[in-house]
PDB file of N, CA and C in Angstrom:
ATOM      1  N   MET A   1      48.915 -12.504 -25.135  1.00  0.00           N
ATOM      2  CA  MET A   1      49.787 -13.512 -25.696  1.00  0.00           C
ATOM      3  C   MET A   1      49.290 -13.856 -27.098  1.00  0.00           C
ATOM      4  N   SER A   2      50.201 -13.961 -28.014  1.00  0.00           N
ATOM      5  CA  SER A   2      49.799 -14.222 -29.397  1.00  0.00           C
ATOM      6  C   SER A   2      49.375 -15.678 -29.567  1.00  0.00           C
ATOM      7  N   ASP A   3      48.595 -15.915 -30.636  1.00  0.00           N
ATOM      8  CA  ASP A   3      48.168 -17.283 -30.946  1.00  0.00           C
ATOM      9  C   ASP A   3      49.363 -18.190 -31.201  1.00  0.00           C
ATOM     10  N   HIS A   4      50.414 -17.614 -31.802  1.00  0.00           N
ATOM     11  CA  HIS A   4      51.618 -18.383 -32.101  1.00  0.00           C
ATOM     12  C   HIS A   4      52.259 -18.910 -30.806  1.00  0.00           C
ATOM     13  N   ILE A   5      52.377 -18.058 -29.816  1.00  0.00           N
ATOM     14  CA  ILE A   5      52.974 -18.449 -28.536  1.00  0.00           C
ATOM     15  C   ILE A   5      52.049 -19.400 -27.792  1.00  0.00           C
ATOM     16  N   SER A   6      50.768 -19.137 -27.826  1.00  0.00           N
ATOM     17  CA  SER A   6      49.805 -20.032 -27.163  1.00  0.00           C
ATOM     18  C   SER A   6      49.860 -21.433 -27.758  1.00  0.00           C
ATOM     19  N   ARG A   7      49.944 -21.505 -29.075  1.00  0.00           N
ATOM     20  CA  ARG A   7      50.023 -22.809 -29.742  1.00  0.00           C
ATOM     21  C   ARG A   7      51.322 -23.515 -29.380  1.00  0.00           C
ATOM     22  N   ALA A   8      52.420 -22.778 -29.328  1.00  0.00           N
ATOM     23  CA  ALA A   8      53.704 -23.367 -28.950  1.00  0.00           C
ATOM     24  C   ALA A   8      53.647 -23.897 -27.521  1.00  0.00           C
ATOM     25  N   GLN A   9      53.020 -23.155 -26.615  1.00  0.00           N
ATOM     26  CA  GLN A   9      52.905 -23.601 -25.235  1.00  0.00           C
ATOM     27  C   GLN A   9      52.029 -24.852 -25.127  1.00  0.00           C
ATOM     28  N   GLU A  10      50.979 -24.931 -25.919  1.00  0.00           N
ATOM     29  CA  GLU A  10      50.113 -26.110 -25.917  1.00  0.00           C
ATOM     30  C   GLU A  10      50.873 -27.331 -26.433  1.00  0.00           C
ATOM     31  N   LEU A  11      51.636 -27.149 -27.505  1.00  0.00           N
ATOM     32  CA  LEU A  11      52.448 -28.251 -28.037  1.00  0.00           C
ATOM     33  C   LEU A  11      53.497 -28.691 -27.014  1.00  0.00           C
ATOM     34  N   LEU A  12      54.116 -27.731 -26.361  1.00  0.00           N
ATOM     35  CA  LEU A  12      55.102 -28.040 -25.333  1.00  0.00           C
ATOM     36  C   LEU A  12      54.464 -28.858 -24.205  1.00  0.00           C
ATOM     37  N   LYS A  13      53.284 -28.453 -23.786  1.00  0.00           N
ATOM     38  CA  LYS A  13      52.560 -29.167 -22.730  1.00  0.00           C
ATOM     39  C   LYS A  13      52.268 -30.605 -23.164  1.00  0.00           C
ATOM     40  N   GLU A  14      51.829 -30.788 -24.399  1.00  0.00           N
ATOM     41  CA  GLU A  14      51.522 -32.132 -24.904  1.00  0.00           C
ATOM     42  C   GLU A  14      52.773 -33.005 -24.945  1.00  0.00           C
ATOM     43  N   HIS A  15      53.878 -32.426 -25.421  1.00  0.00           N
ATOM     44  CA  HIS A  15      55.136 -33.191 -25.450  1.00  0.00           C
ATOM     45  C   HIS A  15      55.564 -33.584 -24.036  1.00  0.00           C
ATOM     46  N   ARG A  16      55.461 -32.656 -23.110  1.00  0.00           N
ATOM     47  CA  ARG A  16      55.874 -32.942 -21.731  1.00  0.00           C
ATOM     48  C   ARG A  16      54.977 -34.003 -21.094  1.00  0.00           C
ATOM     49  N   GLU A  17      53.685 -33.990 -21.400  1.00  0.00           N
ATOM     50  CA  GLU A  17      52.791 -35.020 -20.882  1.00  0.00           C
ATOM     51  C   GLU A  17      53.175 -36.392 -21.437  1.00  0.00           C
ATOM     52  N   SER A  18      53.530 -36.430 -22.715  1.00  0.00           N
ATOM     53  CA  SER A  18      53.979 -37.692 -23.319  1.00  0.00           C
ATOM     54  C   SER A  18      55.280 -38.160 -22.669  1.00  0.00           C
ATOM     55  N   ILE A  19      56.195 -37.243 -22.454  1.00  0.00           N
ATOM     56  CA  ILE A  19      57.462 -37.583 -21.803  1.00  0.00           C
ATOM     57  C   ILE A  19      57.202 -38.139 -20.399  1.00  0.00           C
ATOM     58  N   ASP A  20      56.303 -37.513 -19.665  1.00  0.00           N
ATOM     59  CA  ASP A  20      55.988 -37.991 -18.316  1.00  0.00           C
ATOM     60  C   ASP A  20      55.408 -39.401 -18.347  1.00  0.00           C
ATOM     61  N   ARG A  21      54.520 -39.683 -19.304  1.00  0.00           N
ATOM     62  CA  ARG A  21      53.952 -41.038 -19.433  1.00  0.00           C
ATOM     63  C   ARG A  21      55.040 -42.037 -19.784  1.00  0.00           C
ATOM     64  N   LEU A  22      55.910 -41.664 -20.703  1.00  0.00           N
ATOM     65  CA  LEU A  22      57.001 -42.558 -21.101  1.00  0.00           C
ATOM     66  C   LEU A  22      57.978 -42.798 -19.950  1.00  0.00           C
ATOM     67  N   ASP A  23      58.257 -41.767 -19.156  1.00  0.00           N
ATOM     68  CA  ASP A  23      59.113 -41.953 -17.978  1.00  0.00           C
ATOM     69  C   ASP A  23      58.487 -42.962 -17.020  1.00  0.00           C
ATOM     70  N   ALA A  24      57.183 -42.873 -16.822  1.00  0.00           N
ATOM     71  CA  ALA A  24      56.500 -43.829 -15.943  1.00  0.00           C
ATOM     72  C   ALA A  24      56.605 -45.244 -16.512  1.00  0.00           C
ATOM     73  N   ILE A  25      56.433 -45.373 -17.813  1.00  0.00           N
ATOM     74  CA  ILE A  25      56.558 -46.689 -18.456  1.00  0.00           C
ATOM     75  C   ILE A  25      57.967 -47.232 -18.252  1.00  0.00           C
ATOM     76  N   LEU A  26      58.980 -46.389 -18.440  1.00  0.00           N
ATOM     77  CA  LEU A  26      60.367 -46.814 -18.246  1.00  0.00           C
ATOM     78  C   LEU A  26      60.607 -47.295 -16.818  1.00  0.00           C
ATOM     79  N   VAL A  27      60.127 -46.547 -15.844  1.00  0.00           N
ATOM     80  CA  VAL A  27      60.355 -46.904 -14.443  1.00  0.00           C
ATOM     81  C   VAL A  27      59.671 -48.233 -14.114  1.00  0.00           C
ATOM     82  N   TYR A  28      58.416 -48.383 -14.517  1.00  0.00           N
ATOM     83  CA  TYR A  28      57.710 -49.632 -14.229  1.00  0.00           C
ATOM     84  C   TYR A  28      58.321 -50.807 -14.998  1.00  0.00           C
ATOM     85  N   THR A  29      58.783 -50.563 -16.215  1.00  0.00           N
ATOM     86  CA  THR A  29      59.422 -51.613 -17.003  1.00  0.00           C
ATOM     87  C   THR A  29      60.738 -52.030 -16.351  1.00  0.00           C
ATOM     88  N   LEU A  30      61.521 -51.064 -15.907  1.00  0.00           N
ATOM     89  CA  LEU A  30      62.768 -51.398 -15.206  1.00  0.00           C
ATOM     90  C   LEU A  30      62.484 -52.152 -13.907  1.00  0.00           C
ATOM     91  N   GLY A  31      61.437 -51.752 -13.212  1.00  0.00           N
ATOM     92  CA  GLY A  31      61.051 -52.468 -11.990  1.00  0.00           C
ATOM     93  C   GLY A  31      60.734 -53.921 -12.282  1.00  0.00           C
ATOM     94  N   GLU A  32      59.978 -54.160 -13.337  1.00  0.00           N
ATOM     95  CA  GLU A  32      59.630 -55.527 -13.736  1.00  0.00           C
ATOM     96  C   GLU A  32      60.873 -56.297 -14.165  1.00  0.00           C
ATOM     97  N   ARG A  33      61.752 -55.637 -14.904  1.00  0.00           N
ATOM     98  CA  ARG A  33      62.984 -56.287 -15.346  1.00  0.00           C
ATOM     99  C   ARG A  33      63.829 -56.709 -14.152  1.00  0.00           C
ATOM    100  N   PHE A  34      63.964 -55.814 -13.170  1.00  0.00           N
ATOM    101  CA  PHE A  34      64.780 -56.131 -12.011  1.00  0.00           C
ATOM    102  C   PHE A  34      64.156 -57.218 -11.137  1.00  0.00           C
ATOM    103  N   LYS A  35      62.841 -57.358 -11.135  1.00  0.00           N
ATOM    104  CA  LYS A  35      62.223 -58.492 -10.426  1.00  0.00           C
ATOM    105  C   LYS A  35      62.737 -59.798 -11.018  1.00  0.00           C
ATOM    106  N   HIS A  36      62.808 -59.855 -12.340  1.00  0.00           N
ATOM    107  CA  HIS A  36      63.290 -61.072 -12.997  1.00  0.00           C
ATOM    108  C   HIS A  36      64.785 -61.278 -12.775  1.00  0.00           C
ATOM    109  N   THR A  37      65.557 -60.200 -12.845  1.00  0.00           N
ATOM    110  CA  THR A  37      67.000 -60.374 -12.647  1.00  0.00           C
ATOM    111  C   THR A  37      67.308 -60.743 -11.195  1.00  0.00           C
ATOM    112  N   GLN A  38      66.490 -60.278 -10.258  1.00  0.00           N
ATOM    113  CA  GLN A  38      66.676 -60.687  -8.859  1.00  0.00           C
ATOM    114  C   GLN A  38      66.415 -62.191  -8.720  1.00  0.00           C
ATOM    115  N   ALA A  39      65.375 -62.679  -9.397  1.00  0.00           N
ATOM    116  CA  ALA A  39      65.079 -64.119  -9.372  1.00  0.00           C
ATOM    117  C   ALA A  39      66.234 -64.908  -9.990  1.00  0.00           C
ATOM    118  N   VAL A  40      66.797 -64.388 -11.075  1.00  0.00           N
ATOM    119  CA  VAL A  40      67.952 -65.031 -11.708  1.00  0.00           C
ATOM    120  C   VAL A  40      69.126 -65.044 -10.730  1.00  0.00           C
ATOM    121  N   GLY A  41      69.349 -63.950 -10.038  1.00  0.00           N
ATOM    122  CA  GLY A  41      70.445 -63.869  -9.068  1.00  0.00           C
ATOM    123  C   GLY A  41      70.289 -64.880  -7.948  1.00  0.00           C
ATOM    124  N   ARG A  42      69.063 -65.038  -7.436  1.00  0.00           N
ATOM    125  CA  ARG A  42      68.827 -66.022  -6.386  1.00  0.00           C
ATOM    126  C   ARG A  42      69.076 -67.435  -6.908  1.00  0.00           C
ATOM    127  N   LEU A  43      68.600 -67.699  -8.118  1.00  0.00           N
ATOM    128  CA  LEU A  43      68.790 -69.014  -8.725  1.00  0.00           C
ATOM    129  C   LEU A  43      70.274 -69.321  -8.925  1.00  0.00           C
ATOM    130  N   LYS A  44      71.015 -68.331  -9.426  1.00  0.00           N
ATOM    131  CA  LYS A  44      72.457 -68.516  -9.614  1.00  0.00           C
ATOM    132  C   LYS A  44      73.145 -68.776  -8.279  1.00  0.00           C
ATOM    133  N   ALA A  45      72.763 -68.035  -7.243  1.00  0.00           N
ATOM    134  CA  ALA A  45      73.373 -68.217  -5.928  1.00  0.00           C
ATOM    135  C   ALA A  45      73.075 -69.600  -5.374  1.00  0.00           C
ATOM    136  N   GLU A  46      71.835 -70.041  -5.517  1.00  0.00           N
ATOM    137  CA  GLU A  46      71.434 -71.357  -4.999  1.00  0.00           C
ATOM    138  C   GLU A  46      72.199 -72.480  -5.681  1.00  0.00           C
ATOM    139  N   HIS A  47      72.574 -72.285  -6.940  1.00  0.00           N
ATOM    140  CA  HIS A  47      73.234 -73.339  -7.711  1.00  0.00           C
ATOM    141  C   HIS A  47      74.712 -73.048  -7.968  1.00  0.00           C
ATOM    142  N   ASP A  48      75.241 -72.096  -7.200  1.00  0.00           N
ATOM    143  CA  ASP A  48      76.653 -71.739  -7.269  1.00  0.00           C
ATOM    144  C   ASP A  48      77.112 -71.427  -8.688  1.00  0.00           C
ATOM    145  N   LEU A  49      76.293 -70.675  -9.396  1.00  0.00           N
ATOM    146  CA  LEU A  49      76.637 -70.221 -10.748  1.00  0.00           C
ATOM    147  C   LEU A  49      77.241 -68.824 -10.657  1.00  0.00           C
ATOM    148  N   PRO A  50      78.128 -68.470 -11.570  1.00  0.00           N
ATOM    149  CA  PRO A  50      78.765 -67.144 -11.495  1.00  0.00           C
ATOM    150  C   PRO A  50      77.741 -66.019 -11.664  1.00  0.00           C
ATOM    151  N   PRO A  51      77.979 -64.898 -10.991  1.00  0.00           N
ATOM    152  CA  PRO A  51      77.021 -63.786 -11.072  1.00  0.00           C
ATOM    153  C   PRO A  51      76.937 -63.143 -12.456  1.00  0.00           C
ATOM    154  N   SER A  52      77.983 -63.270 -13.264  1.00  0.00           N
ATOM    155  CA  SER A  52      77.927 -62.672 -14.598  1.00  0.00           C
ATOM    156  C   SER A  52      78.043 -63.754 -15.662  1.00  0.00           C
ATOM    157  N   ASP A  53      77.541 -63.423 -16.834  1.00  0.00           N
ATOM    158  CA  ASP A  53      77.584 -64.333 -17.991  1.00  0.00           C
ATOM    159  C   ASP A  53      78.028 -63.491 -19.185  1.00  0.00           C
ATOM    160  N   PRO A  54      79.347 -63.338 -19.357  1.00  0.00           N
ATOM    161  CA  PRO A  54      79.858 -62.450 -20.407  1.00  0.00           C
ATOM    162  C   PRO A  54      79.334 -62.762 -21.810  1.00  0.00           C
ATOM    163  N   ALA A  55      79.135 -64.031 -22.137  1.00  0.00           N
ATOM    164  CA  ALA A  55      78.629 -64.373 -23.476  1.00  0.00           C
ATOM    165  C   ALA A  55      77.221 -63.835 -23.658  1.00  0.00           C
ATOM    166  N   ARG A  56      76.360 -64.027 -22.653  1.00  0.00           N
ATOM    167  CA  ARG A  56      74.986 -63.501 -22.745  1.00  0.00           C
ATOM    168  C   ARG A  56      74.992 -61.976 -22.774  1.00  0.00           C
ATOM    169  N   GLU A  57      75.854 -61.370 -21.970  1.00  0.00           N
ATOM    170  CA  GLU A  57      75.923 -59.910 -21.937  1.00  0.00           C
ATOM    171  C   GLU A  57      76.293 -59.361 -23.312  1.00  0.00           C
ATOM    172  N   ALA A  58      77.277 -59.967 -23.955  1.00  0.00           N
ATOM    173  CA  ALA A  58      77.692 -59.514 -25.289  1.00  0.00           C
ATOM    174  C   ALA A  58      76.556 -59.686 -26.289  1.00  0.00           C
ATOM    175  N   LYS A  59      75.861 -60.800 -26.198  1.00  0.00           N
ATOM    176  CA  LYS A  59      74.726 -61.061 -27.093  1.00  0.00           C
ATOM    177  C   LYS A  59      73.619 -60.025 -26.879  1.00  0.00           C
ATOM    178  N   GLN A  60      73.337 -59.716 -25.626  1.00  0.00           N
ATOM    179  CA  GLN A  60      72.293 -58.746 -25.307  1.00  0.00           C
ATOM    180  C   GLN A  60      72.676 -57.341 -25.772  1.00  0.00           C
ATOM    181  N   ILE A  61      73.934 -56.982 -25.633  1.00  0.00           N
ATOM    182  CA  ILE A  61      74.382 -55.664 -26.088  1.00  0.00           C
ATOM    183  C   ILE A  61      74.229 -55.551 -27.600  1.00  0.00           C
ATOM    184  N   ALA A  62      74.629 -56.592 -28.323  1.00  0.00           N
ATOM    185  CA  ALA A  62      74.479 -56.575 -29.786  1.00  0.00           C
ATOM    186  C   ALA A  62      73.004 -56.504 -30.162  1.00  0.00           C
ATOM    187  N   ARG A  63      72.169 -57.249 -29.450  1.00  0.00           N
ATOM    188  CA  ARG A  63      70.724 -57.235 -29.713  1.00  0.00           C
ATOM    189  C   ARG A  63      70.140 -55.842 -29.472  1.00  0.00           C
ATOM    190  N   LEU A  64      70.545 -55.222 -28.379  1.00  0.00           N
ATOM    191  CA  LEU A  64      70.023 -53.899 -28.054  1.00  0.00           C
ATOM    192  C   LEU A  64      70.502 -52.851 -29.047  1.00  0.00           C
ATOM    193  N   GLU A  65      71.744 -52.970 -29.505  1.00  0.00           N
ATOM    194  CA  GLU A  65      72.240 -52.037 -30.519  1.00  0.00           C
ATOM    195  C   GLU A  65      71.397 -52.140 -31.787  1.00  0.00           C
ATOM    196  N   ASP A  66      71.068 -53.361 -32.181  1.00  0.00           N
ATOM    197  CA  ASP A  66      70.226 -53.553 -33.362  1.00  0.00           C
ATOM    198  C   ASP A  66      68.832 -52.960 -33.148  1.00  0.00           C
ATOM    199  N   LEU A  67      68.251 -53.217 -31.989  1.00  0.00           N
ATOM    200  CA  LEU A  67      66.937 -52.635 -31.679  1.00  0.00           C
ATOM    201  C   LEU A  67      67.003 -51.111 -31.696  1.00  0.00           C
ATOM    202  N   ALA A  68      68.069 -50.563 -31.139  1.00  0.00           N
ATOM    203  CA  ALA A  68      68.212 -49.108 -31.098  1.00  0.00           C
ATOM    204  C   ALA A  68      68.261 -48.525 -32.501  1.00  0.00           C
ATOM    205  N   LYS A  69      69.011 -49.172 -33.386  1.00  0.00           N
ATOM    206  CA  LYS A  69      69.081 -48.685 -34.771  1.00  0.00           C
ATOM    207  C   LYS A  69      67.697 -48.685 -35.409  1.00  0.00           C
ATOM    208  N   ARG A  70      66.953 -49.765 -35.178  1.00  0.00           N
ATOM    209  CA  ARG A  70      65.606 -49.853 -35.769  1.00  0.00           C
ATOM    210  C   ARG A  70      64.643 -48.852 -35.147  1.00  0.00           C
ATOM    211  N   ALA A  71      64.905 -48.469 -33.897  1.00  0.00           N
ATOM    212  CA  ALA A  71      64.048 -47.504 -33.211  1.00  0.00           C
ATOM    213  C   ALA A  71      64.512 -46.069 -33.408  1.00  0.00           C
ATOM    214  N   ASP A  72      65.544 -45.882 -34.233  1.00  0.00           N
ATOM    215  CA  ASP A  72      66.116 -44.558 -34.480  1.00  0.00           C
ATOM    216  C   ASP A  72      66.633 -43.931 -33.183  1.00  0.00           C
ATOM    217  N   LEU A  73      67.288 -44.771 -32.368  1.00  0.00           N
ATOM    218  CA  LEU A  73      67.918 -44.339 -31.124  1.00  0.00           C
ATOM    219  C   LEU A  73      69.414 -44.546 -31.281  1.00  0.00           C
ATOM    220  N   ASP A  74      70.186 -43.646 -30.775  1.00  0.00           N
ATOM    221  CA  ASP A  74      71.640 -43.746 -30.862  1.00  0.00           C
ATOM    222  C   ASP A  74      72.104 -45.074 -30.260  1.00  0.00           C
ATOM    223  N   PRO A  75      72.681 -45.972 -31.070  1.00  0.00           N
ATOM    224  CA  PRO A  75      73.107 -47.281 -30.559  1.00  0.00           C
ATOM    225  C   PRO A  75      74.154 -47.188 -29.453  1.00  0.00           C
ATOM    226  N   GLU A  76      75.011 -46.162 -29.504  1.00  0.00           N
ATOM    227  CA  GLU A  76      76.014 -46.001 -28.443  1.00  0.00           C
ATOM    228  C   GLU A  76      75.341 -45.667 -27.121  1.00  0.00           C
ATOM    229  N   PHE A  77      74.318 -44.841 -27.159  1.00  0.00           N
ATOM    230  CA  PHE A  77      73.558 -44.538 -25.937  1.00  0.00           C
ATOM    231  C   PHE A  77      72.910 -45.807 -25.419  1.00  0.00           C
ATOM    232  N   ALA A  78      72.275 -46.574 -26.298  1.00  0.00           N
ATOM    233  CA  ALA A  78      71.611 -47.816 -25.895  1.00  0.00           C
ATOM    234  C   ALA A  78      72.610 -48.781 -25.269  1.00  0.00           C
ATOM    235  N   LYS A  79      73.792 -48.867 -25.851  1.00  0.00           N
ATOM    236  CA  LYS A  79      74.833 -49.754 -25.342  1.00  0.00           C
ATOM    237  C   LYS A  79      75.281 -49.312 -23.943  1.00  0.00           C
ATOM    238  N   LYS A  80      75.512 -48.028 -23.760  1.00  0.00           N
ATOM    239  CA  LYS A  80      75.902 -47.511 -22.453  1.00  0.00           C
ATOM    240  C   LYS A  80      74.812 -47.770 -21.418  1.00  0.00           C
ATOM    241  N   PHE A  81      73.568 -47.575 -21.816  1.00  0.00           N
ATOM    242  CA  PHE A  81      72.434 -47.774 -20.925  1.00  0.00           C
ATOM    243  C   PHE A  81      72.359 -49.237 -20.491  1.00  0.00           C
ATOM    244  N   LEU A  82      72.475 -50.160 -21.443  1.00  0.00           N
ATOM    245  CA  LEU A  82      72.404 -51.580 -21.101  1.00  0.00           C
ATOM    246  C   LEU A  82      73.597 -51.992 -20.255  1.00  0.00           C
ATOM    247  N   LYS A  83      74.776 -51.480 -20.548  1.00  0.00           N
ATOM    248  CA  LYS A  83      75.956 -51.811 -19.731  1.00  0.00           C
ATOM    249  C   LYS A  83      75.754 -51.349 -18.294  1.00  0.00           C
ATOM    250  N   PHE A  84      75.155 -50.181 -18.118  1.00  0.00           N
ATOM    251  CA  PHE A  84      74.849 -49.692 -16.771  1.00  0.00           C
ATOM    252  C   PHE A  84      73.898 -50.647 -16.060  1.00  0.00           C
ATOM    253  N   ILE A  85      72.859 -51.074 -16.743  1.00  0.00           N
ATOM    254  CA  ILE A  85      71.888 -52.004 -16.154  1.00  0.00           C
ATOM    255  C   ILE A  85      72.565 -53.330 -15.825  1.00  0.00           C
ATOM    256  N   ILE A  86      73.372 -53.838 -16.748  1.00  0.00           N
ATOM    257  CA  ILE A  86      74.067 -55.111 -16.519  1.00  0.00           C
ATOM    258  C   ILE A  86      74.975 -55.012 -15.294  1.00  0.00           C
ATOM    259  N   GLN A  87      75.683 -53.908 -15.141  1.00  0.00           N
ATOM    260  CA  GLN A  87      76.552 -53.736 -13.971  1.00  0.00           C
ATOM    261  C   GLN A  87      75.737 -53.779 -12.682  1.00  0.00           C
ATOM    262  N   GLU A  88      74.590 -53.146 -12.704  1.00  0.00           N
ATOM    263  CA  GLU A  88      73.710 -53.138 -11.531  1.00  0.00           C
ATOM    264  C   GLU A  88      73.203 -54.550 -11.240  1.00  0.00           C
ATOM    265  N   VAL A  89      72.832 -55.273 -12.275  1.00  0.00           N
ATOM    266  CA  VAL A  89      72.340 -56.643 -12.115  1.00  0.00           C
ATOM    267  C   VAL A  89      73.442 -57.536 -11.544  1.00  0.00           C
ATOM    268  N   ILE A  90      74.650 -57.424 -12.077  1.00  0.00           N
ATOM    269  CA  ILE A  90      75.763 -58.240 -11.580  1.00  0.00           C
ATOM    270  C   ILE A  90      76.021 -57.932 -10.103  1.00  0.00           C
ATOM    271  N   GLN A  91      75.932 -56.673  -9.745  1.00  0.00           N
ATOM    272  CA  GLN A  91      76.105 -56.291  -8.337  1.00  0.00           C
ATOM    273  C   GLN A  91      75.038 -56.971  -7.480  1.00  0.00           C
ATOM    274  N   HIS A  92      73.794 -56.980  -7.939  1.00  0.00           N
ATOM    275  CA  HIS A  92      72.720 -57.660  -7.203  1.00  0.00           C
ATOM    276  C   HIS A  92      72.994 -59.156  -7.114  1.00  0.00           C
ATOM    277  N   HIS A  93      73.447 -59.746  -8.220  1.00  0.00           N
ATOM    278  CA  HIS A  93      73.745 -61.178  -8.223  1.00  0.00           C
ATOM    279  C   HIS A  93      74.870 -61.490  -7.240  1.00  0.00           C
ATOM    280  N   GLN A  94      75.877 -60.616  -7.198  1.00  0.00           N
ATOM    281  CA  GLN A  94      76.970 -60.814  -6.253  1.00  0.00           C
ATOM    282  C   GLN A  94      76.459 -60.743  -4.821  1.00  0.00           C
ATOM    283  N   GLN A  95      75.530 -59.849  -4.562  1.00  0.00           N
ATOM    284  CA  GLN A  95      74.948 -59.748  -3.208  1.00  0.00           C
ATOM    285  C   GLN A  95      74.228 -61.055  -2.847  1.00  0.00           C
ATOM    286  N   HIS A  96      73.527 -61.632  -3.806  1.00  0.00           N
ATOM    287  CA  HIS A  96      72.871 -62.924  -3.558  1.00  0.00           C
ATOM    288  C   HIS A  96      73.917 -64.003  -3.284  1.00  0.00           C
ATOM    289  N   GLN A  97      75.016 -63.984  -4.043  1.00  0.00           N
ATOM    290  CA  GLN A  97      76.093 -64.952  -3.817  1.00  0.00           C
ATOM    291  C   GLN A  97      76.671 -64.788  -2.411  1.00  0.00           C
ATOM    292  N   ASP A  98      76.914 -63.536  -2.025  1.00  0.00           N
ATOM    293  CA  ASP A  98      77.469 -63.271  -0.700  1.00  0.00           C
ATOM    294  C   ASP A  98      76.524 -63.703   0.410  1.00  0.00           C
ATOM    295  N   ALA A  99      75.230 -63.475   0.233  1.00  0.00           N
ATOM    296  CA  ALA A  99      74.230 -63.875   1.224  1.00  0.00           C
ATOM    297  C   ALA A  99      74.139 -65.398   1.314  1.00  0.00           C
ATOM    298  N   GLU A 100      74.300 -66.058   0.202  1.00  0.00           N
ATOM    299  CA  GLU A 100      74.214 -67.522   0.159  1.00  0.00           C
ATOM    300  C   GLU A 100      75.396 -68.164   0.893  1.00  0.00           C
ATOM    301  N   THR A 101      76.561 -67.503   0.843  1.00  0.00           N
ATOM    302  CA  THR A 101      77.752 -68.065   1.480  1.00  0.00           C
ATOM    303  C   THR A 101      77.890 -67.638   2.941  1.00  0.00           C
ATOM    304  N   SER A 102      77.054 -66.705   3.361  1.00  0.00           N
ATOM    305  CA  SER A 102      77.138 -66.213   4.768  1.00  0.00           C
ATOM    306  C   SER A 102      76.458 -67.155   5.710  1.00  0.00           C
TER     307      SER A 102
END
């Protein structure tokens, strides 16, 4: 195997190791985020507050788009990603509401 190919394989390995570490960070960060959103859902259910807050959601989407631009990440991807998370959170909040009324 040539030195050129060996060097490319070493660089590939390093990039993949970084990607694996970042994936772990993302998973643990999402886990921590959902712990907080679950607490918010329980609090909303206990106080009969609506499961969604469209004004906050819009503010958060705009904030994330700005962060994405500064991080050189496609803002449309960031927006889609946050909307997916928000939908999941609202679903969890609705489950808390349903459990509270049962």
